[in-house]
Amino acid sequence: MTRRKKSRSIADKVQIRTGRRKDFKKWRAENPDQVHSGPRYVAKKKDQRKSQAAAKLERMNAAPLLPLHPEAPAKEDSSSKDDGGGEA
């Protein structure tokens, strides 16, 4: 009698709702209206998003204001340079 190979994957061994895990994945894809997250997970994610938004706002308010267009040299100097713009 030959020995069965031990599998490290439990994907085929897990029993969920309709039987095997692959069956559940198929059912979940076919019935998206019946699948929803748990209330604890939704609340946790809502808190995470809220704290992340607050941290982002705090970082934005604490950041120094950078000038968008620092004082550039005169236009004649910049137009004489070959900037590789593609114009002939």
PDB file of N, CA and C in Angstrom:
ATOM      1  N   MET A   1       0.845  -1.175   0.000  1.00  0.00           N
ATOM      2  CA  MET A   1       0.000   0.000   0.000  1.00  0.00           C
ATOM      3  C   MET A   1       0.897   1.248   0.000  1.00  0.00           C
ATOM      4  N   THR A   2       0.583   2.175  -0.887  1.00  0.00           N
ATOM      5  CA  THR A   2       1.421   3.370  -0.982  1.00  0.00           C
ATOM      6  C   THR A   2       0.960   4.417   0.022  1.00  0.00           C
ATOM      7  N   ARG A   3       1.910   5.218   0.414  1.00  0.00           N
ATOM      8  CA  ARG A   3       1.639   6.281   1.377  1.00  0.00           C
ATOM      9  C   ARG A   3       1.023   7.488   0.684  1.00  0.00           C
ATOM     10  N   ARG A   4       0.000   8.100   1.280  1.00  0.00           N
ATOM     11  CA  ARG A   4      -0.575   9.319   0.706  1.00  0.00           C
ATOM     12  C   ARG A   4       0.349  10.496   0.952  1.00  0.00           C
ATOM     13  N   LYS A   5       0.481  11.338  -0.042  1.00  0.00           N
ATOM     14  CA  LYS A   5       1.331  12.524   0.097  1.00  0.00           C
ATOM     15  C   LYS A   5       0.654  13.521   1.040  1.00  0.00           C
ATOM     16  N   LYS A   6       1.425  14.038   1.988  1.00  0.00           N
ATOM     17  CA  LYS A   6       0.887  15.034   2.902  1.00  0.00           C
ATOM     18  C   LYS A   6       0.818  16.377   2.182  1.00  0.00           C
ATOM     19  N   SER A   7      -0.307  17.009   2.271  1.00  0.00           N
ATOM     20  CA  SER A   7      -0.475  18.306   1.635  1.00  0.00           C
ATOM     21  C   SER A   7      -0.412  19.388   2.700  1.00  0.00           C
ATOM     22  N   ARG A   8       0.318  20.432   2.427  1.00  0.00           N
ATOM     23  CA  ARG A   8       0.398  21.538   3.375  1.00  0.00           C
ATOM     24  C   ARG A   8      -0.782  22.476   3.214  1.00  0.00           C
ATOM     25  N   SER A   9      -1.437  22.414   2.060  1.00  0.00           N
ATOM     26  CA  SER A   9      -2.553  23.315   1.795  1.00  0.00           C
ATOM     27  C   SER A   9      -3.823  22.773   2.440  1.00  0.00           C
ATOM     28  N   ILE A  10      -4.550  23.647   3.115  1.00  0.00           N
ATOM     29  CA  ILE A  10      -5.810  23.210   3.700  1.00  0.00           C
ATOM     30  C   ILE A  10      -6.995  23.727   2.886  1.00  0.00           C
ATOM     31  N   ALA A  11      -6.711  24.300   1.720  1.00  0.00           N
ATOM     32  CA  ALA A  11      -7.777  24.889   0.912  1.00  0.00           C
ATOM     33  C   ALA A  11      -8.855  23.874   0.564  1.00  0.00           C
ATOM     34  N   ASP A  12      -8.458  22.644   0.262  1.00  0.00           N
ATOM     35  CA  ASP A  12      -9.436  21.637  -0.126  1.00  0.00           C
ATOM     36  C   ASP A  12     -10.057  20.951   1.079  1.00  0.00           C
ATOM     37  N   LYS A  13      -9.528  21.183   2.274  1.00  0.00           N
ATOM     38  CA  LYS A  13     -10.019  20.496   3.455  1.00  0.00           C
ATOM     39  C   LYS A  13     -11.004  21.328   4.267  1.00  0.00           C
ATOM     40  N   VAL A  14     -11.012  22.626   4.046  1.00  0.00           N
ATOM     41  CA  VAL A  14     -11.853  23.507   4.849  1.00  0.00           C
ATOM     42  C   VAL A  14     -13.309  23.378   4.418  1.00  0.00           C
ATOM     43  N   GLN A  15     -14.192  23.209   5.383  1.00  0.00           N
ATOM     44  CA  GLN A  15     -15.625  23.106   5.100  1.00  0.00           C
ATOM     45  C   GLN A  15     -16.284  24.444   5.445  1.00  0.00           C
ATOM     46  N   ILE A  16     -16.900  25.089   4.466  1.00  0.00           N
ATOM     47  CA  ILE A  16     -17.584  26.354   4.703  1.00  0.00           C
ATOM     48  C   ILE A  16     -18.924  26.326   3.981  1.00  0.00           C
ATOM     49  N   ARG A  17     -19.979  26.638   4.669  1.00  0.00           N
ATOM     50  CA  ARG A  17     -21.347  26.747   4.144  1.00  0.00           C
ATOM     51  C   ARG A  17     -21.765  25.624   3.198  1.00  0.00           C
ATOM     52  N   THR A  18     -21.428  25.752   1.926  1.00  0.00           N
ATOM     53  CA  THR A  18     -21.962  24.818   0.936  1.00  0.00           C
ATOM     54  C   THR A  18     -21.095  23.588   0.771  1.00  0.00           C
ATOM     55  N   GLY A  19     -20.105  23.432   1.573  1.00  0.00           N
ATOM     56  CA  GLY A  19     -19.240  22.271   1.415  1.00  0.00           C
ATOM     57  C   GLY A  19     -17.797  22.705   1.362  1.00  0.00           C
ATOM     58  N   ARG A  20     -17.174  22.451   0.266  1.00  0.00           N
ATOM     59  CA  ARG A  20     -15.757  22.762   0.145  1.00  0.00           C
ATOM     60  C   ARG A  20     -15.528  24.253  -0.085  1.00  0.00           C
ATOM     61  N   ARG A  21     -14.320  24.683   0.173  1.00  0.00           N
ATOM     62  CA  ARG A  21     -13.996  26.098   0.056  1.00  0.00           C
ATOM     63  C   ARG A  21     -14.166  26.598  -1.380  1.00  0.00           C
ATOM     64  N   LYS A  22     -13.800  25.759  -2.351  1.00  0.00           N
ATOM     65  CA  LYS A  22     -13.943  26.175  -3.747  1.00  0.00           C
ATOM     66  C   LYS A  22     -15.411  26.396  -4.085  1.00  0.00           C
ATOM     67  N   ASP A  23     -16.293  25.570  -3.505  1.00  0.00           N
ATOM     68  CA  ASP A  23     -17.729  25.749  -3.728  1.00  0.00           C
ATOM     69  C   ASP A  23     -18.193  27.074  -3.144  1.00  0.00           C
ATOM     70  N   PHE A  24     -17.673  27.425  -1.965  1.00  0.00           N
ATOM     71  CA  PHE A  24     -18.045  28.689  -1.338  1.00  0.00           C
ATOM     72  C   PHE A  24     -17.584  29.874  -2.175  1.00  0.00           C
ATOM     73  N   LYS A  25     -16.378  29.791  -2.723  1.00  0.00           N
ATOM     74  CA  LYS A  25     -15.884  30.882  -3.566  1.00  0.00           C
ATOM     75  C   LYS A  25     -16.781  31.070  -4.785  1.00  0.00           C
ATOM     76  N   LYS A  26     -17.229  29.959  -5.355  1.00  0.00           N
ATOM     77  CA  LYS A  26     -18.118  30.026  -6.516  1.00  0.00           C
ATOM     78  C   LYS A  26     -19.467  30.630  -6.112  1.00  0.00           C
ATOM     79  N   TRP A  27     -20.003  30.170  -4.958  1.00  0.00           N
ATOM     80  CA  TRP A  27     -21.275  30.686  -4.482  1.00  0.00           C
ATOM     81  C   TRP A  27     -21.187  32.182  -4.195  1.00  0.00           C
ATOM     82  N   ARG A  28     -20.077  32.610  -3.575  1.00  0.00           N
ATOM     83  CA  ARG A  28     -19.882  34.020  -3.239  1.00  0.00           C
ATOM     84  C   ARG A  28     -19.847  34.883  -4.495  1.00  0.00           C
ATOM     85  N   ALA A  29     -19.213  34.364  -5.558  1.00  0.00           N
ATOM     86  CA  ALA A  29     -19.144  35.119  -6.815  1.00  0.00           C
ATOM     87  C   ALA A  29     -20.514  35.204  -7.480  1.00  0.00           C
ATOM     88  N   GLU A  30     -21.318  34.167  -7.321  1.00  0.00           N
ATOM     89  CA  GLU A  30     -22.638  34.150  -7.961  1.00  0.00           C
ATOM     90  C   GLU A  30     -23.691  34.923  -7.170  1.00  0.00           C
ATOM     91  N   ASN A  31     -23.476  35.123  -5.867  1.00  0.00           N
ATOM     92  CA  ASN A  31     -24.468  35.785  -5.004  1.00  0.00           C
ATOM     93  C   ASN A  31     -23.862  36.952  -4.241  1.00  0.00           C
ATOM     94  N   PRO A  32     -23.432  38.004  -4.929  1.00  0.00           N
ATOM     95  CA  PRO A  32     -22.785  39.114  -4.214  1.00  0.00           C
ATOM     96  C   PRO A  32     -23.736  39.868  -3.291  1.00  0.00           C
ATOM     97  N   ASP A  33     -25.048  39.797  -3.557  1.00  0.00           N
ATOM     98  CA  ASP A  33     -26.009  40.523  -2.715  1.00  0.00           C
ATOM     99  C   ASP A  33     -26.184  39.870  -1.347  1.00  0.00           C
ATOM    100  N   GLN A  34     -25.847  38.596  -1.202  1.00  0.00           N
ATOM    101  CA  GLN A  34     -25.996  37.903   0.070  1.00  0.00           C
ATOM    102  C   GLN A  34     -24.722  37.936   0.899  1.00  0.00           C
ATOM    103  N   VAL A  35     -23.653  38.459   0.335  1.00  0.00           N
ATOM    104  CA  VAL A  35     -22.370  38.501   1.036  1.00  0.00           C
ATOM    105  C   VAL A  35     -22.155  39.910   1.560  1.00  0.00           C
ATOM    106  N   HIS A  36     -21.886  40.025   2.858  1.00  0.00           N
ATOM    107  CA  HIS A  36     -21.588  41.334   3.429  1.00  0.00           C
ATOM    108  C   HIS A  36     -20.630  41.176   4.603  1.00  0.00           C
ATOM    109  N   SER A  37     -19.941  42.266   4.921  1.00  0.00           N
ATOM    110  CA  SER A  37     -18.973  42.253   6.008  1.00  0.00           C
ATOM    111  C   SER A  37     -19.702  42.290   7.353  1.00  0.00           C
ATOM    112  N   GLY A  38     -19.028  41.793   8.362  1.00  0.00           N
ATOM    113  CA  GLY A  38     -19.590  41.812   9.704  1.00  0.00           C
ATOM    114  C   GLY A  38     -19.579  43.208  10.286  1.00  0.00           C
ATOM    115  N   PRO A  39     -20.465  43.481  11.247  1.00  0.00           N
ATOM    116  CA  PRO A  39     -20.553  44.838  11.822  1.00  0.00           C
ATOM    117  C   PRO A  39     -19.285  45.263  12.554  1.00  0.00           C
ATOM    118  N   ARG A  40     -18.595  44.323  13.195  1.00  0.00           N
ATOM    119  CA  ARG A  40     -17.346  44.682  13.895  1.00  0.00           C
ATOM    120  C   ARG A  40     -16.283  45.115  12.899  1.00  0.00           C
ATOM    121  N   TYR A  41     -16.199  44.408  11.779  1.00  0.00           N
ATOM    122  CA  TYR A  41     -15.215  44.742  10.748  1.00  0.00           C
ATOM    123  C   TYR A  41     -15.534  46.109  10.150  1.00  0.00           C
ATOM    124  N   VAL A  42     -16.807  46.357   9.863  1.00  0.00           N
ATOM    125  CA  VAL A  42     -17.205  47.636   9.268  1.00  0.00           C
ATOM    126  C   VAL A  42     -16.887  48.792  10.225  1.00  0.00           C
ATOM    127  N   ALA A  43     -17.190  48.593  11.511  1.00  0.00           N
ATOM    128  CA  ALA A  43     -16.911  49.639  12.502  1.00  0.00           C
ATOM    129  C   ALA A  43     -15.412  49.889  12.633  1.00  0.00           C
ATOM    130  N   LYS A  44     -14.636  48.809  12.620  1.00  0.00           N
ATOM    131  CA  LYS A  44     -13.183  48.932  12.731  1.00  0.00           C
ATOM    132  C   LYS A  44     -12.621  49.719  11.551  1.00  0.00           C
ATOM    133  N   LYS A  45     -13.067  49.374  10.344  1.00  0.00           N
ATOM    134  CA  LYS A  45     -12.569  50.073   9.152  1.00  0.00           C
ATOM    135  C   LYS A  45     -13.000  51.535   9.143  1.00  0.00           C
ATOM    136  N   LYS A  46     -14.211  51.799   9.620  1.00  0.00           N
ATOM    137  CA  LYS A  46     -14.697  53.182   9.681  1.00  0.00           C
ATOM    138  C   LYS A  46     -13.818  54.007  10.614  1.00  0.00           C
ATOM    139  N   ASP A  47     -13.480  53.432  11.781  1.00  0.00           N
ATOM    140  CA  ASP A  47     -12.581  54.124  12.713  1.00  0.00           C
ATOM    141  C   ASP A  47     -11.202  54.336  12.110  1.00  0.00           C
ATOM    142  N   GLN A  48     -10.694  53.320  11.399  1.00  0.00           N
ATOM    143  CA  GLN A  48      -9.378  53.445  10.771  1.00  0.00           C
ATOM    144  C   GLN A  48      -9.371  54.562   9.740  1.00  0.00           C
ATOM    145  N   ARG A  49     -10.424  54.617   8.924  1.00  0.00           N
ATOM    146  CA  ARG A  49     -10.488  55.672   7.900  1.00  0.00           C
ATOM    147  C   ARG A  49     -10.587  57.048   8.528  1.00  0.00           C
ATOM    148  N   LYS A  50     -11.357  57.141   9.607  1.00  0.00           N
ATOM    149  CA  LYS A  50     -11.529  58.421  10.289  1.00  0.00           C
ATOM    150  C   LYS A  50     -10.201  58.901  10.881  1.00  0.00           C
ATOM    151  N   SER A  51      -9.474  57.998  11.547  1.00  0.00           N
ATOM    152  CA  SER A  51      -8.200  58.394  12.147  1.00  0.00           C
ATOM    153  C   SER A  51      -7.151  58.682  11.073  1.00  0.00           C
ATOM    154  N   GLN A  52      -7.224  57.940   9.970  1.00  0.00           N
ATOM    155  CA  GLN A  52      -6.285  58.184   8.870  1.00  0.00           C
ATOM    156  C   GLN A  52      -6.536  59.558   8.253  1.00  0.00           C
ATOM    157  N   ALA A  53      -7.807  59.933   8.084  1.00  0.00           N
ATOM    158  CA  ALA A  53      -8.138  61.240   7.526  1.00  0.00           C
ATOM    159  C   ALA A  53      -7.697  62.354   8.471  1.00  0.00           C
ATOM    160  N   ALA A  54      -7.876  62.148   9.780  1.00  0.00           N
ATOM    161  CA  ALA A  54      -7.453  63.156  10.751  1.00  0.00           C
ATOM    162  C   ALA A  54      -5.939  63.326  10.731  1.00  0.00           C
ATOM    163  N   ALA A  55      -5.217  62.210  10.638  1.00  0.00           N
ATOM    164  CA  ALA A  55      -3.756  62.284  10.593  1.00  0.00           C
ATOM    165  C   ALA A  55      -3.284  62.983   9.326  1.00  0.00           C
ATOM    166  N   LYS A  56      -3.955  62.709   8.216  1.00  0.00           N
ATOM    167  CA  LYS A  56      -3.582  63.349   6.951  1.00  0.00           C
ATOM    168  C   LYS A  56      -3.822  64.855   7.025  1.00  0.00           C
ATOM    169  N   LEU A  57      -4.962  65.237   7.586  1.00  0.00           N
ATOM    170  CA  LEU A  57      -5.277  66.663   7.722  1.00  0.00           C
ATOM    171  C   LEU A  57      -4.265  67.357   8.616  1.00  0.00           C
ATOM    172  N   GLU A  58      -3.872  66.687   9.696  1.00  0.00           N
ATOM    173  CA  GLU A  58      -2.872  67.245  10.604  1.00  0.00           C
ATOM    174  C   GLU A  58      -1.528  67.427   9.898  1.00  0.00           C
ATOM    175  N   ARG A  59      -1.132  66.425   9.103  1.00  0.00           N
ATOM    176  CA  ARG A  59       0.128  66.532   8.340  1.00  0.00           C
ATOM    177  C   ARG A  59       0.058  67.673   7.340  1.00  0.00           C
ATOM    178  N   MET A  60      -1.092  67.807   6.676  1.00  0.00           N
ATOM    179  CA  MET A  60      -1.231  68.878   5.677  1.00  0.00           C
ATOM    180  C   MET A  60      -1.139  70.253   6.332  1.00  0.00           C
ATOM    181  N   ASN A  61      -1.748  70.413   7.511  1.00  0.00           N
ATOM    182  CA  ASN A  61      -1.721  71.696   8.200  1.00  0.00           C
ATOM    183  C   ASN A  61      -0.337  72.009   8.766  1.00  0.00           C
ATOM    184  N   ALA A  62       0.420  70.963   9.120  1.00  0.00           N
ATOM    185  CA  ALA A  62       1.743  71.174   9.711  1.00  0.00           C
ATOM    186  C   ALA A  62       2.832  71.362   8.647  1.00  0.00           C
ATOM    187  N   ALA A  63       2.542  71.023   7.409  1.00  0.00           N
ATOM    188  CA  ALA A  63       3.555  71.091   6.351  1.00  0.00           C
ATOM    189  C   ALA A  63       3.833  72.538   5.966  1.00  0.00           C
ATOM    190  N   PRO A  64       5.085  72.826   5.647  1.00  0.00           N
ATOM    191  CA  PRO A  64       5.405  74.195   5.215  1.00  0.00           C
ATOM    192  C   PRO A  64       4.821  74.457   3.822  1.00  0.00           C
ATOM    193  N   LEU A  65       4.485  75.715   3.576  1.00  0.00           N
ATOM    194  CA  LEU A  65       3.926  76.099   2.289  1.00  0.00           C
ATOM    195  C   LEU A  65       5.069  76.283   1.290  1.00  0.00           C
ATOM    196  N   LEU A  66       5.026  75.506   0.217  1.00  0.00           N
ATOM    197  CA  LEU A  66       6.074  75.587  -0.797  1.00  0.00           C
ATOM    198  C   LEU A  66       5.598  76.440  -1.962  1.00  0.00           C
ATOM    199  N   PRO A  67       6.459  77.298  -2.478  1.00  0.00           N
ATOM    200  CA  PRO A  67       6.054  78.095  -3.640  1.00  0.00           C
ATOM    201  C   PRO A  67       5.943  77.205  -4.882  1.00  0.00           C
ATOM    202  N   LEU A  68       4.854  77.350  -5.609  1.00  0.00           N
ATOM    203  CA  LEU A  68       4.658  76.519  -6.803  1.00  0.00           C
ATOM    204  C   LEU A  68       5.604  76.931  -7.914  1.00  0.00           C
ATOM    205  N   HIS A  69       5.793  78.228  -8.078  1.00  0.00           N
ATOM    206  CA  HIS A  69       6.657  78.735  -9.147  1.00  0.00           C
ATOM    207  C   HIS A  69       7.697  79.657  -8.534  1.00  0.00           C
ATOM    208  N   PRO A  70       8.850  79.094  -8.164  1.00  0.00           N
ATOM    209  CA  PRO A  70       9.886  79.981  -7.620  1.00  0.00           C
ATOM    210  C   PRO A  70      10.339  80.976  -8.691  1.00  0.00           C
ATOM    211  N   GLU A  71      10.949  82.021  -8.255  1.00  0.00           N
ATOM    212  CA  GLU A  71      11.379  83.059  -9.199  1.00  0.00           C
ATOM    213  C   GLU A  71      12.231  82.445 -10.304  1.00  0.00           C
ATOM    214  N   ALA A  72      11.690  82.451 -11.523  1.00  0.00           N
ATOM    215  CA  ALA A  72      12.365  81.848 -12.673  1.00  0.00           C
ATOM    216  C   ALA A  72      13.174  82.912 -13.399  1.00  0.00           C
ATOM    217  N   PRO A  73      14.227  82.501 -14.124  1.00  0.00           N
ATOM    218  CA  PRO A  73      14.980  83.476 -14.917  1.00  0.00           C
ATOM    219  C   PRO A  73      14.106  84.055 -16.029  1.00  0.00           C
ATOM    220  N   ALA A  74      14.595  85.067 -16.678  1.00  0.00           N
ATOM    221  CA  ALA A  74      13.833  85.737 -17.731  1.00  0.00           C
ATOM    222  C   ALA A  74      13.454  84.751 -18.830  1.00  0.00           C
ATOM    223  N   LYS A  75      12.366  85.040 -19.542  1.00  0.00           N
ATOM    224  CA  LYS A  75      11.870  84.122 -20.565  1.00  0.00           C
ATOM    225  C   LYS A  75      12.823  83.982 -21.747  1.00  0.00           C
ATOM    226  N   GLU A  76      13.565  85.043 -22.073  1.00  0.00           N
ATOM    227  CA  GLU A  76      14.464  84.958 -23.222  1.00  0.00           C
ATOM    228  C   GLU A  76      15.541  83.903 -22.989  1.00  0.00           C
ATOM    229  N   ASP A  77      16.035  83.805 -21.754  1.00  0.00           N
ATOM    230  CA  ASP A  77      17.083  82.842 -21.447  1.00  0.00           C
ATOM    231  C   ASP A  77      16.560  81.409 -21.563  1.00  0.00           C
ATOM    232  N   SER A  78      15.359  81.171 -21.082  1.00  0.00           N
ATOM    233  CA  SER A  78      14.839  79.804 -21.081  1.00  0.00           C
ATOM    234  C   SER A  78      14.428  79.360 -22.481  1.00  0.00           C
ATOM    235  N   SER A  79      14.034  80.310 -23.370  1.00  0.00           N
ATOM    236  CA  SER A  79      13.597  79.908 -24.712  1.00  0.00           C
ATOM    237  C   SER A  79      14.790  79.592 -25.618  1.00  0.00           C
ATOM    238  N   SER A  80      15.969  80.160 -25.311  1.00  0.00           N
ATOM    239  CA  SER A  80      17.130  79.898 -26.150  1.00  0.00           C
ATOM    240  C   SER A  80      17.747  78.513 -25.871  1.00  0.00           C
ATOM    241  N   LYS A  81      17.445  77.942 -24.712  1.00  0.00           N
ATOM    242  CA  LYS A  81      17.985  76.624 -24.382  1.00  0.00           C
ATOM    243  C   LYS A  81      17.237  75.550 -25.142  1.00  0.00           C
ATOM    244  N   ASP A  82      17.933  74.445 -25.434  1.00  0.00           N
ATOM    245  CA  ASP A  82      17.267  73.305 -26.063  1.00  0.00           C
ATOM    246  C   ASP A  82      16.701  72.423 -24.966  1.00  0.00           C
ATOM    247  N   ASP A  83      15.388  72.526 -24.764  1.00  0.00           N
ATOM    248  CA  ASP A  83      14.775  71.772 -23.676  1.00  0.00           C
ATOM    249  C   ASP A  83      14.236  70.430 -24.126  1.00  0.00           C
ATOM    250  N   GLY A  84      14.396  70.079 -25.393  1.00  0.00           N
ATOM    251  CA  GLY A  84      13.932  68.777 -25.887  1.00  0.00           C
ATOM    252  C   GLY A  84      12.430  68.716 -25.952  1.00  0.00           C
ATOM    253  N   GLY A  85      11.783  69.815 -26.233  1.00  0.00           N
ATOM    254  CA  GLY A  85      10.325  69.872 -26.266  1.00  0.00           C
ATOM    255  C   GLY A  85       9.727  69.208 -27.482  1.00  0.00           C
ATOM    256  N   GLY A  86      10.508  68.845 -28.462  1.00  0.00           N
ATOM    257  CA  GLY A  86       9.994  68.173 -29.640  1.00  0.00           C
ATOM    258  C   GLY A  86       9.686  69.117 -30.776  1.00  0.00           C
ATOM    259  N   GLU A  87       9.856  70.422 -30.575  1.00  0.00           N
ATOM    260  CA  GLU A  87       9.597  71.372 -31.664  1.00  0.00           C
ATOM    261  C   GLU A  87      10.864  71.514 -32.494  1.00  0.00           C
ATOM    262  N   ALA A  88      10.674  71.627 -33.824  1.00  0.00           N
ATOM    263  CA  ALA A  88      11.837  71.716 -34.716  1.00  0.00           C
ATOM    264  C   ALA A  88      12.223  73.135 -35.001  1.00  0.00           C
TER     265      ALA A  88
END
